[in-house]
């Protein structure tokens, strides 16, 4: 996982606490910039479901 090209939202360009995503070999990797060693691995379907749920407000508090 050391060679992954991590990206983050443009709104987090210089912030320290941002989500980061990398895609490689049919897997979507997700991590926090605060804890870069804690990486979640998702399938493309799981990633689409997660993004859809976030957009639909399913995780709003």
Protein backbone atom coordinates (compact mmCIF):
# COMPACT_ATOMS: atom_id res chain seq x y z
CA UNK A 1 0.00 0.00 0.00
CA UNK A 2 3.00 2.32 0.13
CA UNK A 3 2.78 3.01 -3.60
CA UNK A 4 -0.85 4.13 -3.69
CA UNK A 5 -1.74 7.53 -5.13
CA UNK A 6 -3.85 9.05 -2.34
CA UNK A 7 -6.24 11.89 -3.14
CA UNK A 8 -8.29 14.13 -0.87
CA UNK A 9 -11.11 16.62 -1.39
CA UNK A 10 -9.97 19.98 -2.73
CA UNK A 11 -11.56 21.63 0.30
CA UNK A 12 -8.97 19.79 2.44
CA UNK A 13 -5.93 20.80 0.42
CA UNK A 14 -3.88 22.03 3.39
CA UNK A 15 -5.86 20.63 6.33
CA UNK A 16 -4.69 17.87 8.67
CA UNK A 17 -7.93 15.95 9.24
CA UNK A 18 -9.18 14.82 5.83
CA UNK A 19 -10.44 11.66 4.19
CA UNK A 20 -8.11 10.23 1.56
CA UNK A 21 -8.93 7.73 -1.18
CA UNK A 22 -6.80 5.59 -3.47
CA UNK A 23 -7.93 3.15 -6.15
CA UNK A 24 -5.80 0.23 -7.33
CA UNK A 25 -6.37 -3.27 -8.67
CA UNK A 26 -10.16 -3.10 -8.35
CA UNK A 27 -10.01 -2.03 -4.71
CA UNK A 28 -10.87 1.33 -3.16
CA UNK A 29 -8.73 2.24 -0.16
CA UNK A 30 -9.94 4.82 2.35
CA UNK A 31 -8.07 6.40 5.25
CA UNK A 32 -7.89 9.50 7.42
CA UNK A 33 -4.94 11.83 7.04
CA UNK A 34 -4.67 11.77 10.85
CA UNK A 35 -4.28 7.96 10.91
CA UNK A 36 -2.64 7.05 7.60
CA UNK A 37 -1.80 3.51 8.73
CA UNK A 38 -5.47 2.65 9.38
CA UNK A 39 -6.72 1.80 5.90
CA UNK A 40 -10.13 0.38 4.97
CA UNK A 41 -10.44 -1.68 1.80
CA UNK A 42 -13.71 -1.56 -0.15
CA UNK A 43 -14.94 -3.12 -3.35
CA UNK A 44 -16.13 -0.67 -6.00
CA UNK A 45 -19.76 -1.62 -5.13
CA UNK A 46 -19.16 -0.99 -1.44
CA UNK A 47 -17.58 2.38 -2.28
CA UNK A 48 -20.56 3.41 -4.42
CA UNK A 49 -22.95 2.35 -1.65
CA UNK A 50 -20.97 4.34 0.94
CA UNK A 51 -20.84 7.48 -1.18
CA UNK A 52 -24.54 7.18 -1.98
CA UNK A 53 -25.42 6.79 1.72
CA UNK A 54 -23.31 9.84 2.62
CA UNK A 55 -24.97 11.92 -0.09
CA UNK A 56 -28.41 10.79 1.09
CA UNK A 57 -27.68 11.90 4.66
CA UNK A 58 -27.75 8.43 6.20
CA UNK A 59 -24.84 9.31 8.50
CA UNK A 60 -25.98 12.79 9.49
CA UNK A 61 -26.14 13.31 13.24
